N, C-alpha and C. Protein backbone atom coordinates (compact mmCIF):
# COMPACT_ATOMS: atom_id res chain seq x y z
N MET A 1 0.84 -1.18 0.00
CA MET A 1 0.00 0.00 0.00
C MET A 1 0.88 1.24 0.00
N ALA A 2 0.57 2.17 -0.87
CA ALA A 2 1.35 3.41 -0.98
C ALA A 2 0.97 4.35 0.15
N GLN A 3 1.97 4.99 0.70
CA GLN A 3 1.73 5.96 1.76
C GLN A 3 2.00 7.36 1.23
N THR A 4 1.19 8.30 1.68
CA THR A 4 1.38 9.69 1.30
C THR A 4 2.49 10.27 2.14
N LYS A 5 3.41 10.96 1.49
CA LYS A 5 4.50 11.59 2.22
C LYS A 5 3.97 12.81 2.95
N LEU A 6 4.22 12.87 4.24
CA LEU A 6 3.75 13.99 5.05
C LEU A 6 4.62 15.22 4.80
N LYS A 7 3.96 16.38 4.74
CA LYS A 7 4.71 17.62 4.59
C LYS A 7 5.30 18.01 5.94
N ALA A 8 6.41 18.70 5.89
CA ALA A 8 7.03 19.19 7.11
C ALA A 8 6.14 20.27 7.71
N ARG A 9 6.01 20.25 9.01
CA ARG A 9 5.22 21.26 9.72
C ARG A 9 6.12 22.43 10.08
N LEU A 10 5.62 23.61 9.82
CA LEU A 10 6.39 24.81 10.12
C LEU A 10 6.26 25.16 11.60
N PRO A 11 7.36 25.51 12.25
CA PRO A 11 7.28 25.88 13.66
C PRO A 11 6.46 27.16 13.84
N GLY A 12 5.64 27.17 14.88
CA GLY A 12 4.84 28.35 15.19
C GLY A 12 3.57 28.49 14.36
N VAL A 13 3.29 27.51 13.52
CA VAL A 13 2.09 27.56 12.68
C VAL A 13 1.06 26.59 13.25
N SER A 14 -0.19 27.01 13.29
CA SER A 14 -1.25 26.17 13.85
C SER A 14 -2.00 25.44 12.74
N TYR A 15 -2.33 24.20 13.02
CA TYR A 15 -3.10 23.37 12.11
C TYR A 15 -4.33 22.87 12.87
N ALA A 16 -5.39 22.53 12.15
CA ALA A 16 -6.61 22.06 12.79
C ALA A 16 -7.11 20.80 12.09
N VAL A 17 -7.88 20.03 12.84
CA VAL A 17 -8.62 18.89 12.31
C VAL A 17 -10.08 19.20 12.60
N SER A 18 -10.93 19.03 11.60
CA SER A 18 -12.33 19.41 11.78
C SER A 18 -13.27 18.36 11.22
N ASN A 19 -14.50 18.45 11.68
CA ASN A 19 -15.57 17.68 11.07
C ASN A 19 -16.51 18.69 10.41
N THR A 20 -17.68 18.25 10.02
CA THR A 20 -18.57 19.07 9.21
C THR A 20 -19.16 20.28 9.94
N GLY A 21 -19.60 20.10 11.18
CA GLY A 21 -20.31 21.15 11.90
C GLY A 21 -19.60 22.49 11.96
N PRO A 22 -18.36 22.55 12.43
CA PRO A 22 -17.68 23.84 12.50
C PRO A 22 -17.48 24.49 11.13
N LEU A 23 -17.28 23.68 10.10
CA LEU A 23 -17.09 24.25 8.77
C LEU A 23 -18.39 24.84 8.23
N ILE A 24 -19.50 24.14 8.44
CA ILE A 24 -20.79 24.69 8.01
C ILE A 24 -21.05 26.02 8.73
N SER A 25 -20.76 26.07 10.02
CA SER A 25 -20.93 27.33 10.77
C SER A 25 -20.07 28.45 10.19
N ALA A 26 -18.83 28.12 9.87
CA ALA A 26 -17.93 29.13 9.30
C ALA A 26 -18.41 29.58 7.93
N PHE A 27 -18.90 28.64 7.11
CA PHE A 27 -19.42 29.00 5.79
C PHE A 27 -20.70 29.83 5.91
N GLN A 28 -21.61 29.43 6.79
CA GLN A 28 -22.88 30.14 6.95
C GLN A 28 -22.67 31.57 7.44
N SER A 29 -21.72 31.75 8.33
CA SER A 29 -21.48 33.08 8.90
C SER A 29 -20.48 33.89 8.07
N ASP A 30 -20.05 33.29 6.97
CA ASP A 30 -19.09 33.94 6.07
C ASP A 30 -17.80 34.31 6.80
N SER A 31 -17.39 33.44 7.73
CA SER A 31 -16.19 33.73 8.52
C SER A 31 -15.06 32.73 8.30
N PHE A 32 -15.13 31.96 7.21
CA PHE A 32 -14.06 30.99 6.95
C PHE A 32 -12.71 31.68 6.79
N SER A 33 -12.71 32.89 6.21
CA SER A 33 -11.44 33.62 6.05
C SER A 33 -10.80 33.92 7.40
N LEU A 34 -11.63 34.18 8.41
CA LEU A 34 -11.11 34.40 9.76
C LEU A 34 -10.47 33.13 10.31
N VAL A 35 -11.11 32.00 10.07
CA VAL A 35 -10.57 30.71 10.52
C VAL A 35 -9.21 30.46 9.87
N THR A 36 -9.07 30.80 8.59
CA THR A 36 -7.80 30.57 7.90
C THR A 36 -6.71 31.54 8.35
N GLU A 37 -7.09 32.62 9.00
CA GLU A 37 -6.07 33.49 9.60
C GLU A 37 -5.48 32.85 10.85
N ILE A 38 -6.24 31.98 11.48
CA ILE A 38 -5.79 31.31 12.70
C ILE A 38 -5.04 30.01 12.37
N PHE A 39 -5.57 29.27 11.39
CA PHE A 39 -4.99 27.96 11.04
C PHE A 39 -4.47 27.99 9.61
N ALA A 40 -3.25 27.51 9.43
CA ALA A 40 -2.66 27.44 8.09
C ALA A 40 -3.36 26.38 7.25
N GLU A 41 -3.71 25.27 7.88
CA GLU A 41 -4.40 24.19 7.19
C GLU A 41 -5.46 23.61 8.12
N ILE A 42 -6.56 23.18 7.51
CA ILE A 42 -7.61 22.49 8.24
C ILE A 42 -7.78 21.13 7.58
N HIS A 43 -7.48 20.09 8.32
CA HIS A 43 -7.53 18.73 7.79
C HIS A 43 -8.92 18.14 8.03
N ILE A 44 -9.50 17.59 6.96
CA ILE A 44 -10.84 17.00 7.05
C ILE A 44 -10.85 15.64 6.35
N PRO A 45 -11.67 14.71 6.82
CA PRO A 45 -11.78 13.41 6.16
C PRO A 45 -12.69 13.50 4.94
N MET A 46 -12.60 12.51 4.07
CA MET A 46 -13.44 12.44 2.87
C MET A 46 -14.93 12.47 3.24
N SER A 47 -15.28 11.84 4.35
CA SER A 47 -16.69 11.81 4.76
C SER A 47 -17.20 13.23 5.03
N CYS A 48 -16.34 14.09 5.50
CA CYS A 48 -16.70 15.49 5.75
C CYS A 48 -16.98 16.20 4.43
N VAL A 49 -16.14 15.95 3.43
CA VAL A 49 -16.34 16.55 2.11
C VAL A 49 -17.69 16.10 1.55
N ALA A 50 -17.98 14.80 1.65
CA ALA A 50 -19.24 14.26 1.13
C ALA A 50 -20.44 14.92 1.82
N GLU A 51 -20.35 15.09 3.12
CA GLU A 51 -21.46 15.70 3.85
C GLU A 51 -21.61 17.18 3.50
N LEU A 52 -20.50 17.89 3.36
CA LEU A 52 -20.57 19.30 2.96
C LEU A 52 -21.19 19.43 1.57
N GLU A 53 -20.80 18.56 0.65
CA GLU A 53 -21.37 18.59 -0.69
C GLU A 53 -22.86 18.28 -0.66
N LYS A 54 -23.26 17.35 0.21
CA LYS A 54 -24.67 17.00 0.35
C LYS A 54 -25.50 18.22 0.79
N HIS A 55 -24.87 19.10 1.55
CA HIS A 55 -25.55 20.30 2.05
C HIS A 55 -25.28 21.52 1.16
N ASP A 56 -24.87 21.27 -0.07
CA ASP A 56 -24.66 22.32 -1.09
C ASP A 56 -23.55 23.32 -0.76
N TRP A 57 -22.47 22.84 -0.16
CA TRP A 57 -21.33 23.71 0.13
C TRP A 57 -20.15 23.43 -0.80
N ALA A 58 -20.39 22.77 -1.94
CA ALA A 58 -19.30 22.41 -2.87
C ALA A 58 -18.52 23.63 -3.34
N GLU A 59 -19.23 24.71 -3.63
CA GLU A 59 -18.56 25.93 -4.10
C GLU A 59 -17.62 26.49 -3.03
N LYS A 60 -18.08 26.49 -1.79
CA LYS A 60 -17.24 26.99 -0.69
C LYS A 60 -16.03 26.08 -0.48
N ILE A 61 -16.24 24.77 -0.62
CA ILE A 61 -15.12 23.82 -0.47
C ILE A 61 -14.06 24.12 -1.53
N GLN A 62 -14.51 24.31 -2.75
CA GLN A 62 -13.59 24.60 -3.85
C GLN A 62 -12.80 25.88 -3.57
N ALA A 63 -13.47 26.91 -3.09
CA ALA A 63 -12.80 28.18 -2.80
C ALA A 63 -11.82 28.05 -1.63
N ALA A 64 -12.11 27.14 -0.72
CA ALA A 64 -11.27 26.97 0.47
C ALA A 64 -10.18 25.92 0.27
N SER A 65 -10.10 25.34 -0.91
CA SER A 65 -9.21 24.20 -1.14
C SER A 65 -7.74 24.40 -0.76
N PRO A 66 -7.17 25.59 -0.88
CA PRO A 66 -5.77 25.69 -0.43
C PRO A 66 -5.60 25.42 1.08
N GLN A 67 -6.60 25.81 1.86
CA GLN A 67 -6.50 25.62 3.32
C GLN A 67 -7.14 24.32 3.79
N LEU A 68 -8.11 23.81 3.06
CA LEU A 68 -8.74 22.54 3.42
C LEU A 68 -7.92 21.40 2.84
N VAL A 69 -7.41 20.55 3.71
CA VAL A 69 -6.62 19.41 3.28
C VAL A 69 -7.44 18.16 3.54
N VAL A 70 -7.80 17.48 2.47
CA VAL A 70 -8.61 16.28 2.59
C VAL A 70 -7.71 15.10 2.89
N VAL A 71 -8.03 14.40 3.97
CA VAL A 71 -7.23 13.26 4.41
C VAL A 71 -8.03 11.99 4.17
N LYS A 72 -7.44 11.07 3.44
CA LYS A 72 -8.11 9.80 3.19
C LYS A 72 -7.65 8.82 4.28
N LEU A 73 -8.62 8.40 5.10
CA LEU A 73 -8.31 7.48 6.19
C LEU A 73 -8.14 6.06 5.66
N THR A 74 -7.23 5.33 6.28
CA THR A 74 -7.10 3.93 5.94
C THR A 74 -8.26 3.17 6.55
N THR A 75 -8.46 1.94 6.13
CA THR A 75 -9.53 1.12 6.67
C THR A 75 -9.38 0.97 8.18
N ASN A 76 -8.17 0.76 8.65
CA ASN A 76 -7.91 0.61 10.08
C ASN A 76 -8.23 1.90 10.84
N GLU A 77 -7.89 3.05 10.27
CA GLU A 77 -8.19 4.33 10.91
C GLU A 77 -9.70 4.56 10.99
N LYS A 78 -10.43 4.17 9.95
CA LYS A 78 -11.89 4.30 9.97
C LYS A 78 -12.48 3.44 11.07
N LYS A 79 -11.98 2.22 11.22
CA LYS A 79 -12.48 1.32 12.27
C LYS A 79 -12.20 1.91 13.65
N ARG A 80 -11.00 2.44 13.84
CA ARG A 80 -10.64 3.04 15.13
C ARG A 80 -11.52 4.25 15.43
N ALA A 81 -11.79 5.06 14.41
CA ALA A 81 -12.63 6.25 14.61
C ALA A 81 -14.05 5.83 14.99
N LYS A 82 -14.60 4.82 14.33
CA LYS A 82 -15.94 4.35 14.67
C LYS A 82 -15.98 3.78 16.08
N PHE A 83 -14.93 3.02 16.45
CA PHE A 83 -14.88 2.44 17.79
C PHE A 83 -14.80 3.54 18.84
N THR A 84 -13.97 4.53 18.60
CA THR A 84 -13.82 5.63 19.56
C THR A 84 -15.13 6.38 19.73
N THR A 85 -15.84 6.62 18.63
CA THR A 85 -17.13 7.29 18.71
C THR A 85 -18.11 6.45 19.52
N TRP A 86 -18.16 5.17 19.24
CA TRP A 86 -19.05 4.26 19.97
C TRP A 86 -18.67 4.24 21.45
N GLN A 87 -17.37 4.15 21.73
CA GLN A 87 -16.90 4.10 23.12
C GLN A 87 -17.28 5.38 23.86
N ASN A 88 -17.11 6.53 23.23
CA ASN A 88 -17.48 7.80 23.86
C ASN A 88 -18.97 7.87 24.16
N ARG A 89 -19.79 7.36 23.24
CA ARG A 89 -21.23 7.36 23.48
C ARG A 89 -21.59 6.46 24.66
N MET A 90 -20.95 5.32 24.73
CA MET A 90 -21.23 4.39 25.82
C MET A 90 -20.81 5.00 27.16
N GLU A 91 -19.66 5.63 27.21
CA GLU A 91 -19.19 6.25 28.44
C GLU A 91 -20.13 7.37 28.87
N ALA A 92 -20.61 8.16 27.91
CA ALA A 92 -21.54 9.26 28.22
C ALA A 92 -22.86 8.70 28.76
N THR A 93 -23.29 7.58 28.23
CA THR A 93 -24.54 6.95 28.68
C THR A 93 -24.44 6.50 30.13
N TYR A 94 -23.31 5.93 30.49
CA TYR A 94 -23.16 5.40 31.84
C TYR A 94 -22.73 6.43 32.87
N GLU A 95 -22.32 7.62 32.42
CA GLU A 95 -21.93 8.68 33.36
C GLU A 95 -23.15 9.38 33.94
N THR A 96 -24.29 9.31 33.27
CA THR A 96 -25.46 10.05 33.75
C THR A 96 -26.30 9.24 34.70
């Protein structure tokens, strides 16, 4: 399996990982440019892109493409993410 070569991270530069909700909020409030002043790159999974496109934000995604970095998760990473989500839900259920 081919691996993507990671880019070197610049010292003193902030990067973010996001899901759909915060990006929709930034697009709706027309404040994505403010977010990009804070973060050099915002990493999002393919599932986030699909959901944003489903909600008609394709044009905004295209305009934000230099700062939005789409990360393709491996099968193992997807399984871990689903397990972590499930585990967090279970813990929240039993804490109340």
